Each structure stands twice: as structure tokens, then as C-alpha cells.
Amino acid sequence: MDQKAISIRTFIGAENFEVSRNFYKDFGFEENILSHNMSYFYKNACGFYLQDAYVKDWINNSMIFLEVENVEAYWNELSVLDLPSKYKTVRLVPVRNEAWGEEFFVHDPSGVLWHIGTFNKVF
């Protein structure tokens, strides 16, 4: 195929749309409201759609990998926000080193699992 891909954007659901909207704004994303039940959240050239829709099996199996330039710096900036104290179901799991790179985890208010990391140069 000769067509150039420009972006890829996932759709995720929210158990409580307003709580999730606030969480993602606190997380550092900008919001573009598309309708009463859908927003586009973005940071630089990365983004995703948040929907006011909750299907437990879908949410429990949703994972997003956000590649960042410096995982330690991103962890430090996110940690000081203390999101788990503001959102009771949010969890942050510290940075760990893997054979392919390093990452940490964030569980959003609905249960979507974010992997935030960097890849070794070989990938």
C-alpha cells in the first residue's frame, strides 16, 4: 500500500465519563469536546478518544502504550501530581527495567492500563 499513515488513535471507555475527563486533564492531556459523550484527548501529536461508554470486559482488557523520551522524568512529573489520592481507583506502579526498555504503569479511574515507557535503541 502506498498511502502514508498520519496517526493512529484508540477509543477507550469510561465508567464515569466526568471523572475520567477530569483525570485525563490532570494527567496532562488537552481536551477537545466532540459531543456530549465523546472527547478527544491529546498531548503533542499523540491522542485518543474517550467515550461515555462502559463495557467491563472491554475496559478490563484495554491497554495503551505511551512512548516517552525519558521515562524516569515522566514518572517523576506524574508522581508529584499524586493522582491516586484524588481518584480512588487510580494506581501508579513504579518504573521497572525490561529486556526491551523500561516502563511504568498507570491504571485510570475505569481500569484502563497505561504502559508508559521507552524502548532500547534496537527496537
N, C-alpha and C. Protein backbone atom coordinates (compact mmCIF):
# COMPACT_ATOMS: atom_id res chain seq x y z
N MET A 1 0.84 -1.17 0.00
CA MET A 1 0.00 0.00 0.00
C MET A 1 0.89 1.24 0.00
N ASP A 2 0.57 2.21 -0.82
CA ASP A 2 1.38 3.40 -0.96
C ASP A 2 0.89 4.58 -0.12
N GLN A 3 -0.25 4.44 0.53
CA GLN A 3 -0.79 5.56 1.30
C GLN A 3 0.00 5.76 2.59
N LYS A 4 0.25 7.02 2.93
CA LYS A 4 1.01 7.37 4.12
C LYS A 4 0.07 7.46 5.33
N ALA A 5 0.39 6.72 6.39
CA ALA A 5 -0.37 6.81 7.63
C ALA A 5 0.04 8.07 8.37
N ILE A 6 -0.92 8.75 8.95
CA ILE A 6 -0.65 10.01 9.65
C ILE A 6 -0.73 9.83 11.17
N SER A 7 -1.70 9.09 11.66
CA SER A 7 -1.80 8.84 13.09
C SER A 7 -2.63 7.58 13.32
N ILE A 8 -2.56 7.09 14.54
CA ILE A 8 -3.41 6.00 14.96
C ILE A 8 -3.97 6.41 16.33
N ARG A 9 -5.27 6.30 16.47
CA ARG A 9 -5.94 6.76 17.69
C ARG A 9 -6.87 5.67 18.19
N THR A 10 -6.75 5.36 19.44
CA THR A 10 -7.62 4.35 20.03
C THR A 10 -8.85 5.00 20.66
N PHE A 11 -9.88 4.21 20.86
CA PHE A 11 -11.07 4.63 21.58
C PHE A 11 -11.07 3.88 22.90
N ILE A 12 -11.28 4.60 24.00
CA ILE A 12 -11.41 3.95 25.30
C ILE A 12 -12.71 4.40 25.95
N GLY A 13 -13.20 3.57 26.83
CA GLY A 13 -14.44 3.88 27.53
C GLY A 13 -14.19 4.41 28.92
N ALA A 14 -15.26 4.85 29.54
CA ALA A 14 -15.19 5.39 30.89
C ALA A 14 -16.38 4.92 31.69
N GLU A 15 -16.11 4.44 32.89
CA GLU A 15 -17.21 4.05 33.77
C GLU A 15 -17.96 5.31 34.24
N ASN A 16 -17.22 6.35 34.57
CA ASN A 16 -17.79 7.64 34.93
C ASN A 16 -17.09 8.67 34.05
N PHE A 17 -17.79 9.13 33.03
CA PHE A 17 -17.21 10.00 32.00
C PHE A 17 -16.61 11.28 32.58
N GLU A 18 -17.31 11.94 33.49
CA GLU A 18 -16.82 13.20 34.06
C GLU A 18 -15.56 12.98 34.89
N VAL A 19 -15.54 11.93 35.68
CA VAL A 19 -14.34 11.62 36.48
C VAL A 19 -13.16 11.35 35.55
N SER A 20 -13.39 10.55 34.51
CA SER A 20 -12.31 10.24 33.57
C SER A 20 -11.83 11.48 32.82
N ARG A 21 -12.75 12.34 32.43
CA ARG A 21 -12.36 13.59 31.76
C ARG A 21 -11.45 14.41 32.67
N ASN A 22 -11.82 14.55 33.92
CA ASN A 22 -11.00 15.31 34.87
C ASN A 22 -9.65 14.65 35.09
N PHE A 23 -9.66 13.31 35.19
CA PHE A 23 -8.41 12.59 35.37
C PHE A 23 -7.44 12.86 34.21
N TYR A 24 -7.92 12.75 32.98
CA TYR A 24 -7.03 12.92 31.84
C TYR A 24 -6.54 14.36 31.71
N LYS A 25 -7.33 15.32 32.12
CA LYS A 25 -6.84 16.71 32.15
C LYS A 25 -5.76 16.85 33.22
N ASP A 26 -5.97 16.25 34.39
CA ASP A 26 -4.94 16.28 35.43
C ASP A 26 -3.69 15.52 35.00
N PHE A 27 -3.87 14.49 34.22
CA PHE A 27 -2.78 13.66 33.70
C PHE A 27 -1.90 14.47 32.74
N GLY A 28 -2.43 15.57 32.20
CA GLY A 28 -1.64 16.44 31.34
C GLY A 28 -2.09 16.50 29.90
N PHE A 29 -3.23 15.89 29.60
CA PHE A 29 -3.75 15.91 28.24
C PHE A 29 -4.67 17.13 28.04
N GLU A 30 -4.71 17.63 26.83
CA GLU A 30 -5.66 18.67 26.45
C GLU A 30 -6.93 17.99 25.95
N GLU A 31 -8.07 18.62 26.16
CA GLU A 31 -9.33 18.03 25.75
C GLU A 31 -9.99 18.83 24.64
N ASN A 32 -10.48 18.11 23.64
CA ASN A 32 -11.31 18.69 22.60
C ASN A 32 -12.65 17.96 22.68
N ILE A 33 -13.68 18.67 23.14
CA ILE A 33 -15.00 18.06 23.30
C ILE A 33 -15.64 17.89 21.92
N LEU A 34 -15.99 16.66 21.59
CA LEU A 34 -16.58 16.36 20.28
C LEU A 34 -18.11 16.28 20.35
N SER A 35 -18.62 15.81 21.46
CA SER A 35 -20.07 15.72 21.67
C SER A 35 -20.30 15.57 23.17
N HIS A 36 -21.55 15.42 23.57
CA HIS A 36 -21.85 15.28 24.99
C HIS A 36 -21.30 13.99 25.59
N ASN A 37 -20.93 13.02 24.74
CA ASN A 37 -20.45 11.74 25.25
C ASN A 37 -19.12 11.28 24.64
N MET A 38 -18.38 12.21 24.04
CA MET A 38 -17.08 11.85 23.49
C MET A 38 -16.16 13.07 23.43
N SER A 39 -14.91 12.84 23.84
CA SER A 39 -13.87 13.87 23.77
C SER A 39 -12.62 13.27 23.17
N TYR A 40 -11.85 14.12 22.53
CA TYR A 40 -10.53 13.74 22.04
C TYR A 40 -9.51 14.35 22.98
N PHE A 41 -8.65 13.52 23.56
CA PHE A 41 -7.59 13.98 24.44
C PHE A 41 -6.26 13.84 23.71
N TYR A 42 -5.42 14.85 23.84
CA TYR A 42 -4.15 14.83 23.09
C TYR A 42 -3.04 15.52 23.86
N LYS A 43 -1.85 15.13 23.50
CA LYS A 43 -0.62 15.73 24.03
C LYS A 43 0.37 15.65 22.89
N ASN A 44 0.79 16.80 22.40
CA ASN A 44 1.65 16.87 21.21
C ASN A 44 0.93 16.16 20.06
N ALA A 45 1.57 15.19 19.44
CA ALA A 45 0.97 14.51 18.29
C ALA A 45 0.24 13.22 18.69
N CYS A 46 0.14 12.93 19.99
CA CYS A 46 -0.49 11.70 20.47
C CYS A 46 -1.89 12.00 20.99
N GLY A 47 -2.82 11.09 20.73
CA GLY A 47 -4.16 11.32 21.23
C GLY A 47 -5.02 10.07 21.22
N PHE A 48 -6.16 10.18 21.89
CA PHE A 48 -7.12 9.09 21.97
C PHE A 48 -8.51 9.67 22.18
N TYR A 49 -9.52 8.87 21.90
CA TYR A 49 -10.91 9.25 22.11
C TYR A 49 -11.41 8.63 23.40
N LEU A 50 -12.02 9.45 24.25
CA LEU A 50 -12.66 8.97 25.46
C LEU A 50 -14.16 9.02 25.25
N GLN A 51 -14.81 7.87 25.49
CA GLN A 51 -16.26 7.76 25.28
C GLN A 51 -17.00 7.56 26.59
N ASP A 52 -18.18 8.08 26.66
CA ASP A 52 -19.06 7.82 27.79
C ASP A 52 -19.73 6.47 27.53
N ALA A 53 -18.93 5.43 27.63
CA ALA A 53 -19.41 4.07 27.38
C ALA A 53 -18.60 3.14 28.28
N TYR A 54 -19.28 2.21 28.91
CA TYR A 54 -18.60 1.30 29.81
C TYR A 54 -19.06 -0.13 29.57
N VAL A 55 -18.14 -0.93 29.09
CA VAL A 55 -18.34 -2.37 28.95
C VAL A 55 -17.18 -2.99 29.73
N LYS A 56 -17.49 -3.56 30.86
CA LYS A 56 -16.47 -4.02 31.80
C LYS A 56 -15.38 -4.88 31.15
N ASP A 57 -15.77 -5.87 30.36
CA ASP A 57 -14.78 -6.74 29.71
C ASP A 57 -13.88 -5.96 28.76
N TRP A 58 -14.45 -4.99 28.06
CA TRP A 58 -13.66 -4.17 27.13
C TRP A 58 -12.65 -3.32 27.92
N ILE A 59 -13.14 -2.62 28.93
CA ILE A 59 -12.27 -1.75 29.73
C ILE A 59 -11.17 -2.57 30.40
N ASN A 60 -11.53 -3.70 30.98
CA ASN A 60 -10.55 -4.52 31.69
C ASN A 60 -9.49 -5.11 30.77
N ASN A 61 -9.72 -5.07 29.47
CA ASN A 61 -8.74 -5.57 28.52
C ASN A 61 -8.13 -4.45 27.66
N SER A 62 -8.37 -3.20 28.04
CA SER A 62 -7.81 -2.07 27.29
C SER A 62 -6.46 -1.69 27.86
N MET A 63 -5.45 -1.62 26.98
CA MET A 63 -4.11 -1.18 27.35
C MET A 63 -3.61 -0.22 26.29
N ILE A 64 -2.89 0.79 26.75
CA ILE A 64 -2.31 1.79 25.85
C ILE A 64 -0.84 1.92 26.21
N PHE A 65 0.02 1.94 25.20
CA PHE A 65 1.44 2.18 25.44
C PHE A 65 1.75 3.59 24.96
N LEU A 66 2.24 4.42 25.88
CA LEU A 66 2.67 5.77 25.56
C LEU A 66 4.18 5.80 25.62
N GLU A 67 4.81 5.96 24.46
CA GLU A 67 6.26 6.04 24.42
C GLU A 67 6.68 7.48 24.71
N VAL A 68 7.62 7.63 25.64
CA VAL A 68 8.11 8.94 26.03
C VAL A 68 9.63 8.99 25.87
N GLU A 69 10.17 10.20 25.83
CA GLU A 69 11.62 10.36 25.66
C GLU A 69 12.40 9.92 26.90
N ASN A 70 11.87 10.25 28.08
CA ASN A 70 12.59 9.97 29.32
C ASN A 70 11.60 9.43 30.35
N VAL A 71 11.59 8.14 30.53
CA VAL A 71 10.60 7.51 31.40
C VAL A 71 10.76 7.93 32.86
N GLU A 72 12.00 8.08 33.32
CA GLU A 72 12.24 8.49 34.71
C GLU A 72 11.69 9.90 34.96
N ALA A 73 11.95 10.81 34.05
CA ALA A 73 11.46 12.18 34.19
C ALA A 73 9.93 12.21 34.14
N TYR A 74 9.34 11.41 33.24
CA TYR A 74 7.88 11.36 33.15
C TYR A 74 7.29 10.81 34.44
N TRP A 75 7.90 9.76 34.98
CA TRP A 75 7.46 9.19 36.25
C TRP A 75 7.51 10.23 37.36
N ASN A 76 8.62 10.96 37.44
CA ASN A 76 8.77 11.97 38.49
C ASN A 76 7.71 13.06 38.38
N GLU A 77 7.45 13.53 37.17
CA GLU A 77 6.45 14.58 36.97
C GLU A 77 5.04 14.08 37.30
N LEU A 78 4.74 12.84 36.92
CA LEU A 78 3.42 12.29 37.18
C LEU A 78 3.24 11.96 38.66
N SER A 79 4.28 11.47 39.30
CA SER A 79 4.20 11.10 40.71
C SER A 79 3.84 12.28 41.61
N VAL A 80 4.40 13.44 41.33
CA VAL A 80 4.13 14.60 42.19
C VAL A 80 2.68 15.06 42.09
N LEU A 81 1.96 14.66 41.04
CA LEU A 81 0.56 15.02 40.92
C LEU A 81 -0.31 14.27 41.93
N ASP A 82 0.20 13.15 42.45
CA ASP A 82 -0.49 12.34 43.45
C ASP A 82 -1.93 12.03 43.02
N LEU A 83 -2.08 11.55 41.80
CA LEU A 83 -3.41 11.24 41.26
C LEU A 83 -4.17 10.19 42.06
N PRO A 84 -3.49 9.17 42.64
CA PRO A 84 -4.25 8.19 43.43
C PRO A 84 -4.97 8.79 44.64
N SER A 85 -4.49 9.90 45.17
CA SER A 85 -5.20 10.50 46.31
C SER A 85 -6.46 11.25 45.85
N LYS A 86 -6.47 11.66 44.59
CA LYS A 86 -7.62 12.40 44.05
C LYS A 86 -8.65 11.46 43.42
N TYR A 87 -8.18 10.35 42.86
CA TYR A 87 -9.05 9.38 42.17
C TYR A 87 -8.85 8.02 42.83
N LYS A 88 -9.86 7.55 43.55
CA LYS A 88 -9.69 6.38 44.43
C LYS A 88 -9.28 5.10 43.73
N THR A 89 -9.61 4.91 42.46
CA THR A 89 -9.25 3.66 41.77
C THR A 89 -7.99 3.78 40.92
N VAL A 90 -7.38 4.94 40.89
CA VAL A 90 -6.15 5.15 40.10
C VAL A 90 -4.97 4.55 40.85
N ARG A 91 -4.13 3.85 40.11
CA ARG A 91 -2.91 3.29 40.69
C ARG A 91 -1.73 3.61 39.78
N LEU A 92 -0.59 3.87 40.39
CA LEU A 92 0.67 4.05 39.67
C LEU A 92 1.63 2.98 40.15
N VAL A 93 2.27 2.31 39.22
CA VAL A 93 3.24 1.27 39.54
C VAL A 93 4.60 1.76 39.06
N PRO A 94 5.61 1.81 39.95
CA PRO A 94 6.90 2.43 39.61
C PRO A 94 7.61 1.82 38.40
N VAL A 95 8.59 2.56 37.93
CA VAL A 95 9.39 2.18 36.77
C VAL A 95 10.08 0.84 37.01
N ARG A 96 10.05 0.03 35.97
CA ARG A 96 10.80 -1.23 36.01
C ARG A 96 11.55 -1.39 34.70
N ASN A 97 12.68 -2.05 34.80
CA ASN A 97 13.52 -2.31 33.62
C ASN A 97 13.18 -3.66 33.03
N GLU A 98 13.07 -3.69 31.71
CA GLU A 98 12.80 -4.90 30.97
C GLU A 98 13.90 -5.09 29.93
N ALA A 99 13.95 -6.24 29.31
CA ALA A 99 14.96 -6.50 28.28
C ALA A 99 14.81 -5.54 27.09
N TRP A 100 13.60 -5.10 26.81
CA TRP A 100 13.31 -4.25 25.65
C TRP A 100 13.38 -2.76 25.97
N GLY A 101 13.41 -2.39 27.27
CA GLY A 101 13.41 -0.98 27.67
C GLY A 101 12.95 -0.84 29.10
N GLU A 102 12.29 0.27 29.42
CA GLU A 102 11.76 0.46 30.76
C GLU A 102 10.38 1.09 30.68
N GLU A 103 9.57 0.83 31.73
CA GLU A 103 8.20 1.32 31.73
C GLU A 103 7.67 1.42 33.15
N PHE A 104 6.58 2.18 33.28
CA PHE A 104 5.79 2.15 34.50
C PHE A 104 4.33 2.09 34.08
N PHE A 105 3.45 1.83 35.05
CA PHE A 105 2.03 1.63 34.75
C PHE A 105 1.16 2.66 35.46
N VAL A 106 0.09 3.03 34.79
CA VAL A 106 -0.96 3.86 35.37
C VAL A 106 -2.29 3.18 35.06
N HIS A 107 -3.09 2.95 36.10
CA HIS A 107 -4.44 2.43 35.93
C HIS A 107 -5.38 3.62 36.05
N ASP A 108 -6.16 3.90 35.00
CA ASP A 108 -7.05 5.07 35.02
C ASP A 108 -8.27 4.78 35.91
N PRO A 109 -9.15 5.76 36.12
CA PRO A 109 -10.29 5.57 37.02
C PRO A 109 -11.22 4.41 36.65
N SER A 110 -11.27 4.06 35.38
CA SER A 110 -12.14 2.97 34.93
C SER A 110 -11.45 1.62 34.90
N GLY A 111 -10.12 1.63 34.90
CA GLY A 111 -9.36 0.38 34.84
C GLY A 111 -8.51 0.22 33.60
N VAL A 112 -8.52 1.20 32.69
CA VAL A 112 -7.66 1.14 31.51
C VAL A 112 -6.21 1.18 31.99
N LEU A 113 -5.40 0.26 31.46
CA LEU A 113 -3.99 0.16 31.86
C LEU A 113 -3.10 0.89 30.86
N TRP A 114 -2.39 1.89 31.35
CA TRP A 114 -1.41 2.63 30.55
C TRP A 114 -0.02 2.10 30.86
N HIS A 115 0.72 1.78 29.80
CA HIS A 115 2.14 1.47 29.89
C HIS A 115 2.85 2.73 29.41
N ILE A 116 3.71 3.29 30.20
CA ILE A 116 4.45 4.48 29.81
C ILE A 116 5.91 4.14 29.86
N GLY A 117 6.58 4.23 28.72
CA GLY A 117 7.96 3.77 28.71
C GLY A 117 8.80 4.23 27.55
N THR A 118 9.99 3.70 27.54
CA THR A 118 10.95 3.94 26.48
C THR A 118 11.49 2.60 26.00
N PHE A 119 11.82 2.53 24.73
CA PHE A 119 12.38 1.33 24.14
C PHE A 119 13.89 1.46 24.02
N ASN A 120 14.58 0.33 24.14
CA ASN A 120 16.01 0.31 23.83
C ASN A 120 16.19 0.66 22.36
N LYS A 121 17.32 1.12 21.99
CA LYS A 121 17.60 1.56 20.61
C LYS A 121 17.38 0.46 19.57
N VAL A 122 17.45 -0.82 19.96
CA VAL A 122 17.32 -1.91 18.99
C VAL A 122 15.89 -2.05 18.47
N PHE A 123 14.90 -1.47 19.15
CA PHE A 123 13.51 -1.60 18.71
C PHE A 123 13.16 -0.46 17.81
